[in-house]
Amino acid sequence: MKIARNACLGCIIVILLLLTGVAGAIEPIRVVLEFVPDIDNGRRSFDICARCHLPEAWGNNDGTYPQLAGQHVNVLMKQLLDIRSGRRVNPSMQPFVQQRTIGGYQNISDVVAYISTLPMNPKHAKGPWPPDSVEYREGSEMYRQYCASCHGQAGEGNNERAYPRLQGQHYTYMARQARMVRNNLRQVKPSMAALLQRLNADEFDKVLNYVSYLPVPPADLAPDAQWRNPDFQ
């Protein structure tokens, strides 16, 4: 199976940097940078990422690492830049997103474009309550009430607004991140933080359980769980 390369060929990745104002200015300085990603260079840059996230970018079922394959480029870009700047605290990732390690903004745009083209794991970790359970139905209702307006009815996310695609993400990873937000160990958008504070632990477990069962479009999936990235063979 060939990796779908056409998704980002010719696309432009836009990076919006909010820099600290000078001379006591209150408003930040907005700098917009545009890059045409080089997918082949992205594959080479991904080599350092593959050591933890795996060559397929599937992460692992225990939630230590997320599934990155198929994620929106703007979401991946934002997270890497947030970690690089210290806005998102992630000690294990911090050394690998610095310029001396992964390179400048062009290299980052290349690697996120490459990751976005990878097919997703068809056997990601799902929650404990199957679709015929009461907990699943309750999670579905809460998702549509609280989450669908940003993340989409099918969990498809929004690249333009950098809202993560939730389809195919490991339940264990999502639950761990939600608990970090609730415990003030990870900063997210105020609306997201307020929602996670509003729901109790049982409720957000049910929501994330429902999310973990959202189907990924077949065209975005690897043929089976034994698929291996041919770029690393």
Protein backbone atom coordinates (compact mmCIF):
# COMPACT_ATOMS: atom_id res chain seq x y z
CA MET A 1 0.00 0.00 0.00
CA LYS A 2 1.36 3.41 -0.96
CA ILE A 3 1.14 6.28 1.46
CA ALA A 4 -1.26 8.94 0.25
CA ARG A 5 1.05 11.82 -0.63
CA ASN A 6 -1.41 14.07 -2.45
CA ALA A 7 -3.06 15.48 0.69
CA CYS A 8 -0.41 18.15 1.18
CA LEU A 9 1.30 18.42 -2.17
CA GLY A 10 1.20 22.08 -3.11
CA CYS A 11 -0.59 23.12 0.08
CA ILE A 12 0.61 26.04 2.13
CA ILE A 13 1.03 25.78 5.88
CA VAL A 14 0.47 29.06 7.66
CA ILE A 15 2.13 29.72 11.01
CA LEU A 16 0.75 32.55 13.11
CA LEU A 17 3.22 33.67 15.74
CA LEU A 18 2.11 35.86 18.62
CA LEU A 19 5.21 37.62 19.83
CA THR A 20 5.53 39.75 22.95
CA GLY A 21 4.97 43.42 22.28
CA VAL A 22 7.86 45.86 22.67
CA ALA A 23 8.17 49.14 24.54
CA GLY A 24 5.34 48.28 26.92
CA ALA A 25 2.88 47.58 24.11
CA ILE A 26 -0.18 45.67 25.30
CA GLU A 27 -1.10 44.04 22.00
CA PRO A 28 1.10 41.17 20.80
CA ILE A 29 2.84 41.38 17.46
CA ARG A 30 1.31 39.07 14.87
CA VAL A 31 3.70 37.48 12.38
CA VAL A 32 2.35 35.20 9.65
CA LEU A 33 4.74 32.82 7.92
CA GLU A 34 3.81 30.62 4.95
CA PHE A 35 5.57 27.44 3.88
CA VAL A 36 5.07 24.98 1.05
CA PRO A 37 5.86 21.67 2.77
CA ASP A 38 8.40 19.23 1.39
CA ILE A 39 6.96 15.78 2.15
CA ASP A 40 10.21 13.94 1.47
CA ASN A 41 12.11 16.16 3.88
CA GLY A 42 9.27 15.63 6.34
CA ARG A 43 9.85 11.89 6.17
CA ARG A 44 13.52 12.37 7.00
CA SER A 45 12.70 14.75 9.86
CA PHE A 46 10.13 12.30 11.22
CA ASP A 47 12.88 9.76 11.87
CA ILE A 48 13.59 11.31 15.27
CA CYS A 49 9.86 11.31 16.12
CA ALA A 50 9.37 7.69 15.06
CA ARG A 51 11.50 6.42 17.94
CA CYS A 52 8.63 7.15 20.35
CA HIS A 53 5.57 7.69 18.17
CA LEU A 54 6.48 4.67 15.97
CA PRO A 55 7.17 4.83 12.21
CA GLU A 56 3.42 4.61 11.58
CA ALA A 57 2.74 7.52 14.01
CA TRP A 58 0.15 5.34 15.73
CA GLY A 59 1.33 5.90 19.30
CA ASN A 60 0.40 3.09 21.67
CA ASN A 61 -2.70 1.66 23.28
CA ASP A 62 -1.73 2.52 26.84
CA GLY A 63 -2.00 6.21 26.00
CA THR A 64 1.62 7.15 26.60
CA TYR A 65 1.81 8.48 23.05
CA PRO A 66 -1.12 9.67 20.91
CA GLN A 67 -2.02 8.59 17.43
CA LEU A 68 -0.63 11.38 15.24
CA ALA A 69 -1.28 9.82 11.85
CA GLY A 70 -4.04 11.59 9.95
CA GLN A 71 -4.20 14.54 12.34
CA HIS A 72 -4.75 18.04 10.93
CA VAL A 73 -1.55 19.88 10.05
CA ASN A 74 -2.56 23.01 11.96
CA VAL A 75 -3.23 20.96 15.09
CA LEU A 76 0.15 19.26 14.87
CA MET A 77 1.86 22.55 14.14
CA LYS A 78 0.23 24.31 17.09
CA GLN A 79 1.19 21.57 19.53
CA LEU A 80 4.82 21.48 18.39
CA LEU A 81 5.14 25.25 18.61
CA ASP A 82 3.39 25.34 21.99
CA ILE A 83 5.83 22.77 23.35
CA ARG A 84 8.80 24.56 21.79
CA SER A 85 7.80 27.88 23.39
CA GLY A 86 6.93 26.32 26.75
CA ARG A 87 3.25 27.21 26.45
CA ARG A 88 2.53 23.48 26.69
CA VAL A 89 4.63 21.71 29.29
CA ASN A 90 5.87 18.38 27.97
CA PRO A 91 9.35 17.53 29.31
CA SER A 92 9.75 14.38 27.21
CA MET A 93 8.97 16.23 23.95
CA GLN A 94 10.69 19.52 24.72
CA PRO A 95 14.21 18.53 23.59
CA PHE A 96 12.96 17.14 20.29
CA VAL A 97 11.09 20.22 19.06
CA GLN A 98 13.95 22.69 19.46
CA GLN A 99 15.59 24.18 16.39
CA ARG A 100 18.88 22.44 17.13
CA THR A 101 17.06 19.09 16.98
CA ILE A 102 14.26 19.25 14.43
CA GLY A 103 15.24 22.45 12.64
CA GLY A 104 13.40 25.65 11.82
CA TYR A 105 9.83 26.39 10.85
CA GLN A 106 10.26 24.93 7.36
CA ASN A 107 11.29 21.59 8.83
CA ILE A 108 8.36 21.64 11.23
CA SER A 109 5.93 22.36 8.39
CA ASP A 110 7.49 19.48 6.44
CA VAL A 111 7.19 16.94 9.24
CA VAL A 112 3.59 17.80 10.18
CA ALA A 113 2.59 17.59 6.51
CA TYR A 114 4.21 14.15 6.31
CA ILE A 115 2.48 12.91 9.46
CA SER A 116 -0.90 14.08 8.16
CA THR A 117 -0.55 11.82 5.11
CA LEU A 118 -0.01 8.61 7.11
CA PRO A 119 -2.91 6.13 7.29
CA MET A 120 -4.42 5.66 10.72
CA ASN A 121 -4.39 2.64 13.00
CA PRO A 122 -7.58 0.60 12.49
CA LYS A 123 -7.25 -0.92 15.98
CA HIS A 124 -6.74 2.05 18.28
CA ALA A 125 -7.55 1.72 21.99
CA LYS A 126 -11.26 2.09 22.70
CA GLY A 127 -13.12 2.73 25.94
CA PRO A 128 -14.64 0.12 28.25
CA TRP A 129 -18.31 0.63 27.28
CA PRO A 130 -19.38 -0.78 23.87
CA PRO A 131 -21.98 0.88 21.60
CA ASP A 132 -24.86 -1.17 23.02
CA SER A 133 -24.27 0.11 26.57
CA VAL A 134 -26.10 2.79 28.55
CA GLU A 135 -22.78 4.54 29.20
CA TYR A 136 -22.12 4.80 25.47
CA ARG A 137 -25.53 6.37 24.83
CA GLU A 138 -25.03 8.84 27.66
CA GLY A 139 -21.60 9.73 26.28
CA SER A 140 -23.14 10.27 22.85
CA GLU A 141 -25.70 12.71 24.22
CA MET A 142 -23.07 14.69 26.12
CA TYR A 143 -20.74 14.77 23.12
CA ARG A 144 -23.43 16.28 20.91
CA GLN A 145 -24.35 18.76 23.60
CA TYR A 146 -20.86 19.93 24.55
CA CYS A 147 -18.27 18.86 21.97
CA ALA A 148 -19.71 18.56 18.46
CA SER A 149 -19.89 22.31 17.81
CA CYS A 150 -16.08 22.48 17.77
CA HIS A 151 -14.87 18.95 17.04
CA GLY A 152 -17.63 18.09 14.54
CA GLN A 153 -20.52 15.64 14.65
CA ALA A 154 -18.19 12.83 13.56
CA GLY A 155 -15.16 13.99 15.56
CA GLU A 156 -13.49 15.19 12.36
CA GLY A 157 -12.10 18.37 13.94
CA ASN A 158 -11.32 21.55 12.02
CA ASN A 159 -7.95 22.21 10.44
CA GLU A 160 -8.53 25.92 9.86
CA ARG A 161 -9.34 26.52 13.52
CA ALA A 162 -6.79 23.96 14.77
CA TYR A 163 -9.48 21.89 16.52
CA PRO A 164 -8.10 18.35 16.85
CA ARG A 165 -9.49 15.44 14.95
CA LEU A 166 -10.74 13.03 17.62
CA GLN A 167 -11.57 10.10 15.35
CA GLY A 168 -9.14 7.26 15.91
CA GLN A 169 -7.48 8.71 19.00
CA HIS A 170 -6.67 6.30 21.81
CA TYR A 171 -9.21 6.42 24.63
CA THR A 172 -6.41 6.04 27.15
CA TYR A 173 -4.55 9.05 25.77
CA MET A 174 -7.65 11.26 25.72
CA ALA A 175 -8.55 10.29 29.29
CA ARG A 176 -5.03 11.04 30.50
CA GLN A 177 -4.99 14.45 28.83
CA ALA A 178 -8.45 15.32 30.19
CA ARG A 179 -7.29 14.55 33.72
CA MET A 180 -4.19 16.69 33.22
CA VAL A 181 -6.40 19.62 32.20
CA ARG A 182 -8.71 19.11 35.19
CA ASN A 183 -5.69 19.03 37.50
CA ASN A 184 -4.23 22.21 35.92
CA LEU A 185 -1.28 20.29 34.51
CA ARG A 186 -2.04 21.21 30.90
CA GLN A 187 -3.31 24.48 29.51
CA VAL A 188 -5.96 24.44 26.79
CA LYS A 189 -8.46 26.95 25.44
CA PRO A 190 -10.54 28.43 28.26
CA SER A 191 -13.76 27.02 26.79
CA MET A 192 -12.30 23.51 26.79
CA ALA A 193 -10.92 23.84 30.31
CA ALA A 194 -14.28 25.12 31.57
CA LEU A 195 -16.07 22.16 30.00
CA LEU A 196 -13.78 19.61 31.58
CA GLN A 197 -14.19 21.32 34.93
CA ARG A 198 -17.98 21.28 34.49
CA LEU A 199 -18.19 17.55 33.78
CA ASN A 200 -17.37 15.17 36.60
CA ALA A 201 -14.86 12.36 36.08
CA ASP A 202 -17.57 9.80 35.29
CA GLU A 203 -19.17 12.06 32.70
CA PHE A 204 -16.02 12.88 30.77
CA ASP A 205 -15.02 9.21 30.81
CA LYS A 206 -18.34 8.46 29.09
CA VAL A 207 -17.85 11.23 26.54
CA LEU A 208 -14.35 10.06 25.69
CA ASN A 209 -15.55 6.46 25.56
CA TYR A 210 -18.10 7.52 22.92
CA VAL A 211 -15.43 9.44 21.00
CA SER A 212 -13.18 6.39 20.92
CA TYR A 213 -15.83 4.49 18.96
CA LEU A 214 -16.39 7.18 16.32
CA PRO A 215 -15.64 5.56 12.97
CA VAL A 216 -12.69 6.71 10.90
CA PRO A 217 -13.44 6.99 7.17
CA PRO A 218 -12.12 3.81 5.51
CA ALA A 219 -9.98 5.82 3.09
CA ASP A 220 -7.99 7.20 6.05
CA LEU A 221 -7.20 3.82 7.59
CA ALA A 222 -4.33 1.41 7.05
CA PRO A 223 -5.53 -1.92 5.60
CA ASP A 224 -4.97 -3.72 8.92
CA ALA A 225 -3.19 -3.41 12.24
CA GLN A 226 -0.14 -5.25 10.86
CA TRP A 227 0.55 -2.52 8.29
CA ARG A 228 4.03 -1.07 8.56
CA ASN A 229 5.26 2.23 7.14
CA PRO A 230 7.25 1.33 4.00
CA ASP A 231 9.31 4.51 4.37
CA PHE A 232 11.06 2.92 7.36
CA GLN A 233 11.63 -0.58 6.06
